[in-house]
Amino acid sequence: MKAGIVGLPNVGKSTLFNCLSNAKAQSANFPFCTIEPNIGVVNVPDERLQKLKELVNPERVQPATVEIVDIAGLVRGASKGEGLGNQFLANIRETDAIIHVLRCFDNDNIIHVDTTIDPIRDKETIDIELQLKDLETVEKRLERVKRTAKTGNKEAQAELVILLKIQETLLQGVSVRTIDFSEKEAEFVNTLQLITSKPVLYVCNVDENSAVNGNDYVNRVKEVVANEDAEIIILAVGTEADINELDDYEERQMFLADIGLDEPGSSKLIRSAYKLLKLQTYFTAGVKEVRAWTINVGDTAPQAAGVIHTDFEKGFIRAEVIKYEDYIALGSEAKVKEAGKLSVEGKEYIVQDGDMMNFRFNV
């Protein structure tokens, strides 16, 4: 599961990517600095791992991870191929969620492709390009489906209704994610791989003084996206990049405290991206390793077991489940068992975020 960072050139995408992944992607003060997408595997900050480490004292701790993709800056006309647009849009299509970076700071030393600072205009520029690309996809599909629907094919007729609804929405300049689809309709829509159907997280890139409370630019963004069911994060990307360069943990914490933050904003962003991708975590804990495993929200116990090894899913017998809160409160697996807090679950069990699990299987 991948989240793609998008935005106009020079809004702070590659700097943010470097901040998240420490991959040091090239960033510079001119458009199209990023041409090939950079991919970083980022650890998901989770304070629960530290508490488990203190109780279990394992040889190693393995956090959950999420893939972040730094996609080159889009420009007006990208949907028609401007500025390597086709390549960039194809890269976005391959991601599962969008992190949309908006420039919400003034700095005459960092050029803007449209010369002035206006995050609402920038957002609309990106939205329009993504919507136009989706419209192109939908209209190509419509040509084929209309012909089949005329023959009386019921499935094609149902698809036609959905496609026309999507077309009408896109022509109004509205993204597909705003449409309410039934479960069956959503299955068909997913096959279209539409860019504007992906969940979105807006990152308002601000100056250091606005890192805690935002600014007028951020307030305008909040007003505009109020009806989008999208999350907004305020992040002083340049400042966080400077903090990231410091080797000493205490020094980094002091720097964060000076600007009024109790943790890096990038940590909040990674957790938000994880949530945006509809991912959650379960734990395994032993003296060899305490580990956070990544699964989809709604996964069953056998599906969760399959993340460790496919044989675990194939030969699944049962799962022994301890709630994280019970483990922390009682201090060990033995004490949890004594208190009758360990549950034995079968194939239908839906795993909950934070479950501590032990699987029984036979292949």
Protein backbone atom coordinates (compact mmCIF):
# COMPACT_ATOMS: atom_id res chain seq x y z
CA MET A 1 0.00 0.00 0.00
CA LYS A 2 1.49 3.30 -1.14
CA ALA A 3 0.69 6.96 -0.50
CA GLY A 4 1.85 9.39 -3.18
CA ILE A 5 3.00 12.96 -2.44
CA VAL A 6 1.63 15.35 -5.08
CA GLY A 7 1.52 19.09 -5.65
CA LEU A 8 2.79 21.85 -7.90
CA PRO A 9 6.58 22.22 -8.38
CA ASN A 10 8.45 23.94 -5.52
CA VAL A 11 5.80 23.49 -2.79
CA GLY A 12 8.05 21.27 -0.62
CA LYS A 13 7.23 17.73 -1.80
CA SER A 14 10.77 16.36 -2.04
CA THR A 15 11.83 18.12 1.16
CA LEU A 16 8.85 16.48 2.90
CA PHE A 17 9.73 13.10 1.39
CA ASN A 18 13.32 13.43 2.64
CA CYS A 19 11.97 14.39 6.05
CA LEU A 20 9.75 11.28 6.17
CA SER A 21 12.15 8.74 4.75
CA ASN A 22 15.65 10.17 5.25
CA ALA A 23 16.16 8.98 1.67
CA LYS A 24 17.60 12.39 0.67
CA ALA A 25 15.72 12.69 -2.63
CA GLN A 26 17.01 15.55 -4.74
CA SER A 27 15.30 18.87 -3.99
CA ALA A 28 16.08 22.14 -5.70
CA ASN A 29 14.65 25.56 -6.49
CA PHE A 30 13.35 24.83 -9.99
CA PRO A 31 10.45 22.87 -11.55
CA PHE A 32 10.79 19.19 -12.56
CA CYS A 33 13.63 18.54 -10.16
CA THR A 34 12.00 15.16 -9.45
CA ILE A 35 11.43 13.18 -12.64
CA GLU A 36 11.52 9.53 -11.56
CA PRO A 37 9.32 8.89 -8.50
CA ASN A 38 11.32 8.32 -5.32
CA ILE A 39 9.99 5.56 -3.06
CA GLY A 40 10.66 5.40 0.67
CA VAL A 41 9.64 2.75 3.19
CA VAL A 42 8.81 4.70 6.34
CA ASN A 43 8.46 3.39 9.91
CA VAL A 44 5.10 4.17 11.50
CA PRO A 45 5.66 5.87 14.90
CA ASP A 46 3.81 3.90 17.60
CA GLU A 47 4.42 4.51 21.31
CA ARG A 48 2.84 1.12 22.10
CA LEU A 49 5.98 -0.59 20.77
CA GLN A 50 8.14 1.19 23.34
CA LYS A 51 5.88 0.03 26.20
CA LEU A 52 5.95 -3.56 24.92
CA LYS A 53 9.75 -3.37 24.62
CA GLU A 54 10.03 -2.30 28.26
CA LEU A 55 7.87 -5.24 29.43
CA VAL A 56 9.22 -7.99 27.13
CA ASN A 57 12.88 -6.87 26.76
CA PRO A 58 13.21 -8.47 23.29
CA GLU A 59 16.37 -8.79 21.16
CA ARG A 60 14.84 -6.50 18.53
CA VAL A 61 11.79 -4.34 17.83
CA GLN A 62 10.26 -4.11 14.35
CA PRO A 63 7.76 -1.29 13.69
CA ALA A 64 5.05 -1.25 11.02
CA THR A 65 5.96 0.46 7.75
CA VAL A 66 4.21 2.37 4.97
CA GLU A 67 5.44 3.20 1.45
CA ILE A 68 5.63 6.88 0.50
CA VAL A 69 6.16 7.91 -3.13
CA ASP A 70 7.52 11.35 -4.08
CA ILE A 71 5.86 12.19 -7.41
CA ALA A 72 7.17 15.01 -9.58
CA GLY A 73 5.39 18.37 -9.54
CA LEU A 74 2.33 18.60 -11.76
CA VAL A 75 1.67 21.72 -13.83
CA ARG A 76 -1.35 23.17 -15.63
CA GLY A 77 -1.90 21.07 -18.76
CA ALA A 78 -0.46 17.87 -17.24
CA SER A 79 -3.55 15.90 -18.33
CA LYS A 80 -2.62 16.80 -21.92
CA GLY A 81 1.02 15.84 -21.42
CA GLU A 82 2.45 19.22 -20.37
CA GLY A 83 5.58 19.03 -18.18
CA LEU A 84 5.92 15.24 -18.48
CA GLY A 85 2.31 15.11 -17.26
CA ASN A 86 1.35 11.70 -18.61
CA GLN A 87 4.25 10.02 -16.82
CA PHE A 88 3.47 11.79 -13.53
CA LEU A 89 -0.24 10.99 -13.68
CA ALA A 90 0.55 7.32 -14.33
CA ASN A 91 2.72 7.33 -11.19
CA ILE A 92 -0.18 8.76 -9.14
CA ARG A 93 -2.55 6.11 -10.48
CA GLU A 94 -0.31 3.40 -9.03
CA THR A 95 -0.68 4.76 -5.47
CA ASP A 96 -3.51 3.98 -3.04
CA ALA A 97 -3.87 7.42 -1.42
CA ILE A 98 -2.77 10.99 -2.10
CA ILE A 99 -0.81 13.35 0.16
CA HIS A 100 -1.43 16.76 -1.46
CA VAL A 101 1.14 19.39 -0.43
CA LEU A 102 0.01 23.03 -0.57
CA ARG A 103 2.39 25.96 -0.19
CA CYS A 104 1.10 28.13 2.65
CA PHE A 105 4.15 30.33 3.29
CA ASP A 106 5.74 33.46 1.79
CA ASN A 107 9.40 33.38 0.75
CA ASP A 108 10.70 35.51 -2.12
CA ASN A 109 13.77 33.28 -2.40
CA ILE A 110 11.71 30.22 -3.41
CA ILE A 111 10.09 30.71 -6.81
CA HIS A 112 6.49 29.71 -7.50
CA VAL A 113 5.44 28.52 -10.96
CA ASP A 114 2.53 30.99 -10.91
CA THR A 115 4.64 33.79 -9.30
CA THR A 116 2.18 34.47 -6.44
CA ILE A 117 1.25 32.42 -3.36
CA ASP A 118 -2.33 31.09 -3.43
CA PRO A 119 -2.89 27.56 -2.08
CA ILE A 120 -6.54 27.54 -3.21
CA ARG A 121 -5.56 28.27 -6.82
CA ASP A 122 -2.78 25.66 -6.56
CA LYS A 123 -5.22 23.06 -5.21
CA GLU A 124 -7.68 23.78 -8.02
CA THR A 125 -4.90 23.48 -10.63
CA ILE A 126 -4.01 19.98 -9.41
CA ASP A 127 -7.66 18.97 -8.94
CA ILE A 128 -8.55 20.02 -12.49
CA GLU A 129 -5.65 18.08 -14.02
CA LEU A 130 -6.53 14.93 -12.07
CA GLN A 131 -10.23 15.31 -12.90
CA LEU A 132 -9.49 15.81 -16.61
CA LYS A 133 -7.39 12.64 -16.64
CA ASP A 134 -10.21 10.72 -14.94
CA LEU A 135 -12.72 12.16 -17.41
CA GLU A 136 -10.56 10.87 -20.26
CA THR A 137 -10.54 7.38 -18.66
CA VAL A 138 -14.32 7.41 -18.06
CA GLU A 139 -15.20 8.63 -21.56
CA LYS A 140 -13.06 5.94 -23.20
CA ARG A 141 -14.86 3.31 -21.09
CA LEU A 142 -18.25 4.89 -21.88
CA GLU A 143 -17.74 4.38 -25.64
CA ARG A 144 -17.37 0.63 -25.16
CA VAL A 145 -20.07 0.23 -22.51
CA LYS A 146 -22.70 2.17 -24.51
CA ARG A 147 -22.32 -0.22 -27.44
CA THR A 148 -22.67 -3.28 -25.21
CA ALA A 149 -25.60 -1.77 -23.26
CA LYS A 150 -27.55 -1.32 -26.52
CA THR A 151 -27.52 -5.10 -27.02
CA GLY A 152 -29.51 -5.46 -23.78
CA ASN A 153 -26.57 -6.61 -21.64
CA LYS A 154 -27.74 -6.00 -18.04
CA GLU A 155 -24.23 -5.68 -16.57
CA ALA A 156 -23.26 -3.09 -19.19
CA GLN A 157 -26.47 -1.17 -18.54
CA ALA A 158 -25.67 -1.01 -14.81
CA GLU A 159 -22.10 0.12 -15.57
CA LEU A 160 -23.45 2.79 -17.93
CA VAL A 161 -25.49 4.38 -15.12
CA ILE A 162 -22.41 4.55 -12.86
CA LEU A 163 -20.15 5.92 -15.61
CA LEU A 164 -22.65 8.65 -16.52
CA LYS A 165 -22.90 9.65 -12.84
CA ILE A 166 -19.10 9.89 -12.63
CA GLN A 167 -18.89 11.82 -15.91
CA GLU A 168 -21.47 14.35 -14.72
CA THR A 169 -19.60 14.84 -11.41
CA LEU A 170 -16.23 15.35 -13.12
CA LEU A 171 -17.70 17.82 -15.64
CA GLN A 172 -18.85 19.89 -12.65
CA GLY A 173 -15.23 20.05 -11.43
CA VAL A 174 -15.87 17.71 -8.49
CA SER A 175 -13.70 14.70 -7.59
CA VAL A 176 -15.01 11.11 -7.68
CA ARG A 177 -14.28 10.56 -3.95
CA THR A 178 -17.26 12.81 -3.12
CA ILE A 179 -19.75 10.37 -4.73
CA ASP A 180 -21.56 7.86 -2.51
CA PHE A 181 -21.45 4.43 -4.16
CA SER A 182 -23.11 1.23 -3.03
CA GLU A 183 -20.80 -1.68 -2.22
CA LYS A 184 -21.44 -3.28 -5.61
CA GLU A 185 -20.95 0.02 -7.47
CA ALA A 186 -17.69 0.62 -5.59
CA GLU A 187 -16.35 -2.74 -6.80
CA PHE A 188 -16.81 -1.61 -10.42
CA VAL A 189 -15.42 1.89 -9.75
CA ASN A 190 -12.27 0.35 -8.22
CA THR A 191 -11.55 -1.40 -11.53
CA LEU A 192 -11.39 2.00 -13.26
CA GLN A 193 -8.38 3.09 -11.12
CA LEU A 194 -9.58 6.69 -11.06
CA ILE A 195 -7.13 9.13 -9.50
CA THR A 196 -9.74 11.39 -7.86
CA SER A 197 -11.43 8.43 -6.16
CA LYS A 198 -8.38 7.97 -3.93
CA PRO A 199 -8.54 9.29 -0.34
CA VAL A 200 -6.61 12.54 0.17
CA LEU A 201 -4.66 14.20 2.99
CA TYR A 202 -3.82 17.89 2.58
CA VAL A 203 -0.48 19.04 3.98
CA CYS A 204 -0.34 22.80 4.52
CA ASN A 205 3.39 23.60 4.29
CA VAL A 206 3.89 26.66 6.52
CA ASP A 207 6.75 28.76 7.92
CA GLU A 208 8.22 28.05 11.37
CA ASN A 209 6.07 30.69 13.13
CA SER A 210 2.88 29.03 11.84
CA ALA A 211 3.85 25.44 12.73
CA VAL A 212 1.43 25.20 15.68
CA ASN A 213 -1.62 27.30 14.80
CA GLY A 214 -1.34 27.76 11.04
CA ASN A 215 -2.02 31.07 9.27
CA ASP A 216 -4.50 32.80 6.96
CA TYR A 217 -3.53 30.55 4.04
CA VAL A 218 -4.30 27.46 6.16
CA ASN A 219 -7.64 28.91 7.28
CA ARG A 220 -8.64 29.40 3.63
CA VAL A 221 -7.67 25.81 2.79
CA LYS A 222 -9.78 24.54 5.72
CA GLU A 223 -12.82 26.46 4.42
CA VAL A 224 -12.44 25.15 0.87
CA VAL A 225 -12.01 21.47 1.81
CA ALA A 226 -14.64 21.45 4.59
CA ASN A 227 -17.04 19.33 2.49
CA GLU A 228 -14.43 16.95 1.07
CA ASP A 229 -14.19 14.49 3.97
CA ALA A 230 -10.42 15.04 3.83
CA GLU A 231 -7.90 15.46 6.62
CA ILE A 232 -5.60 18.50 6.91
CA ILE A 233 -2.19 18.60 8.58
CA ILE A 234 -0.13 21.73 9.26
CA LEU A 235 3.59 21.12 8.78
CA ALA A 236 6.61 23.46 8.68
CA VAL A 237 8.43 21.20 6.22
CA GLY A 238 11.62 23.29 5.96
CA THR A 239 11.95 23.54 9.75
CA GLU A 240 11.30 19.82 10.20
CA ALA A 241 14.00 19.11 7.61
CA ASP A 242 16.46 21.23 9.64
CA ILE A 243 15.51 19.37 12.84
CA ASN A 244 15.98 16.08 11.01
CA GLU A 245 19.60 16.99 10.28
CA LEU A 246 20.41 17.05 14.01
CA ASP A 247 22.03 13.82 15.24
CA ASP A 248 21.27 14.26 18.93
CA TYR A 249 17.75 13.20 20.07
CA GLU A 250 17.70 15.65 23.01
CA GLU A 251 18.72 18.49 20.70
CA ARG A 252 15.89 17.63 18.30
CA GLN A 253 13.37 17.60 21.17
CA MET A 254 14.60 21.00 22.38
CA PHE A 255 14.25 22.44 18.86
CA LEU A 256 10.68 21.06 18.62
CA ALA A 257 9.79 22.46 22.06
CA ASP A 258 11.12 25.89 20.99
CA ILE A 259 8.54 26.07 18.19
CA GLY A 260 5.77 24.63 20.39
CA LEU A 261 5.62 21.01 19.19
CA ASP A 262 5.71 17.89 21.39
CA GLU A 263 6.65 15.60 18.48
CA PRO A 264 7.68 16.04 14.84
CA GLY A 265 4.76 16.90 12.57
CA SER A 266 6.15 14.32 10.16
CA SER A 267 5.30 11.60 12.73
CA LYS A 268 1.68 12.76 12.77
CA LEU A 269 1.68 12.77 8.97
CA ILE A 270 2.97 9.18 8.75
CA ARG A 271 0.27 7.98 11.18
CA SER A 272 -2.35 9.90 9.18
CA ALA A 273 -1.13 8.33 5.92
CA TYR A 274 -1.35 4.87 7.53
CA LYS A 275 -4.94 5.63 8.57
CA LEU A 276 -5.71 7.13 5.14
CA LEU A 277 -4.68 3.83 3.54
CA LYS A 278 -7.15 2.06 5.89
CA LEU A 279 -4.32 0.15 7.56
CA GLN A 280 -4.04 -0.99 11.17
CA THR A 281 -1.57 -2.83 13.38
CA TYR A 282 -1.49 -6.02 15.42
CA PHE A 283 1.44 -7.16 17.54
CA THR A 284 3.41 -10.31 18.21
CA ALA A 285 5.67 -10.27 21.28
CA GLY A 286 8.42 -12.65 22.40
CA VAL A 287 12.00 -12.55 23.66
CA LYS A 288 13.34 -12.74 20.10
CA GLU A 289 11.19 -9.95 18.69
CA VAL A 290 8.40 -7.50 19.41
CA ARG A 291 6.82 -6.67 16.07
CA ALA A 292 4.03 -4.54 14.63
CA TRP A 293 2.33 -6.19 11.64
CA THR A 294 0.40 -4.19 9.05
CA ILE A 295 -3.04 -5.38 7.93
CA ASN A 296 -6.13 -3.84 6.35
CA VAL A 297 -8.95 -2.61 8.56
CA GLY A 298 -11.55 -5.41 8.55
CA ASP A 299 -9.10 -8.29 7.99
CA THR A 300 -9.96 -11.64 9.61
CA ALA A 301 -7.62 -13.64 11.85
CA PRO A 302 -6.50 -15.98 8.99
CA GLN A 303 -5.77 -12.97 6.76
CA ALA A 304 -3.71 -11.42 9.57
CA ALA A 305 -1.84 -14.69 10.00
CA GLY A 306 -1.09 -14.74 6.27
CA VAL A 307 0.89 -11.51 6.60
CA ILE A 308 3.48 -13.46 8.64
CA HIS A 309 3.50 -16.44 6.24
CA THR A 310 1.05 -17.82 3.69
CA ASP A 311 1.22 -21.23 5.44
CA PHE A 312 -0.22 -19.60 8.57
CA GLU A 313 -3.32 -18.60 6.61
CA LYS A 314 -3.66 -21.88 4.71
CA GLY A 315 -3.39 -24.03 7.82
CA PHE A 316 -5.06 -21.64 10.26
CA ILE A 317 -6.63 -23.39 13.28
CA ARG A 318 -7.19 -20.61 15.79
CA ALA A 319 -5.78 -17.36 17.15
CA GLU A 320 -5.00 -16.58 20.78
CA VAL A 321 -5.77 -12.90 21.30
CA ILE A 322 -4.79 -10.52 24.09
CA LYS A 323 -5.92 -6.90 24.13
CA TYR A 324 -2.94 -4.54 24.27
CA GLU A 325 -4.44 -2.64 27.23
CA ASP A 326 -4.81 -5.89 29.23
CA TYR A 327 -1.21 -6.90 28.50
CA ILE A 328 0.14 -3.52 29.64
CA ALA A 329 -2.06 -3.46 32.75
CA LEU A 330 -1.19 -7.02 33.85
CA GLY A 331 2.43 -7.07 32.68
CA SER A 332 2.85 -10.50 31.07
CA GLU A 333 1.12 -13.20 29.00
CA ALA A 334 1.06 -15.53 32.00
CA LYS A 335 -0.76 -12.99 34.17
CA VAL A 336 -3.22 -12.26 31.35
CA LYS A 337 -4.04 -15.99 31.16
CA GLU A 338 -4.46 -16.19 34.94
CA ALA A 339 -6.90 -13.31 34.81
CA GLY A 340 -8.91 -15.04 32.08
CA LYS A 341 -8.27 -12.20 29.63
CA LEU A 342 -6.87 -14.33 26.78
CA SER A 343 -9.52 -15.18 24.17
CA VAL A 344 -9.40 -17.98 21.60
CA GLU A 345 -10.78 -16.88 18.22
CA GLY A 346 -11.67 -18.72 15.00
CA LYS A 347 -11.65 -17.94 11.29
CA GLU A 348 -14.43 -15.33 11.46
CA TYR A 349 -12.71 -13.11 14.03
CA ILE A 350 -12.14 -9.53 12.78
CA VAL A 351 -8.79 -8.33 14.07
CA GLN A 352 -8.82 -5.07 16.03
CA ASP A 353 -6.07 -2.45 16.03
CA GLY A 354 -3.60 -3.21 18.83
CA ASP A 355 -4.52 -6.90 19.24
CA MET A 356 -1.63 -9.07 20.44
CA MET A 357 -1.85 -12.39 18.63
CA ASN A 358 -0.47 -15.88 18.64
CA PHE A 359 -1.52 -18.21 15.82
CA ARG A 360 -2.03 -21.98 15.83
CA PHE A 361 -1.81 -23.61 12.41
CA ASN A 362 -1.19 -26.95 10.71
CA VAL A 363 -0.08 -27.43 7.10
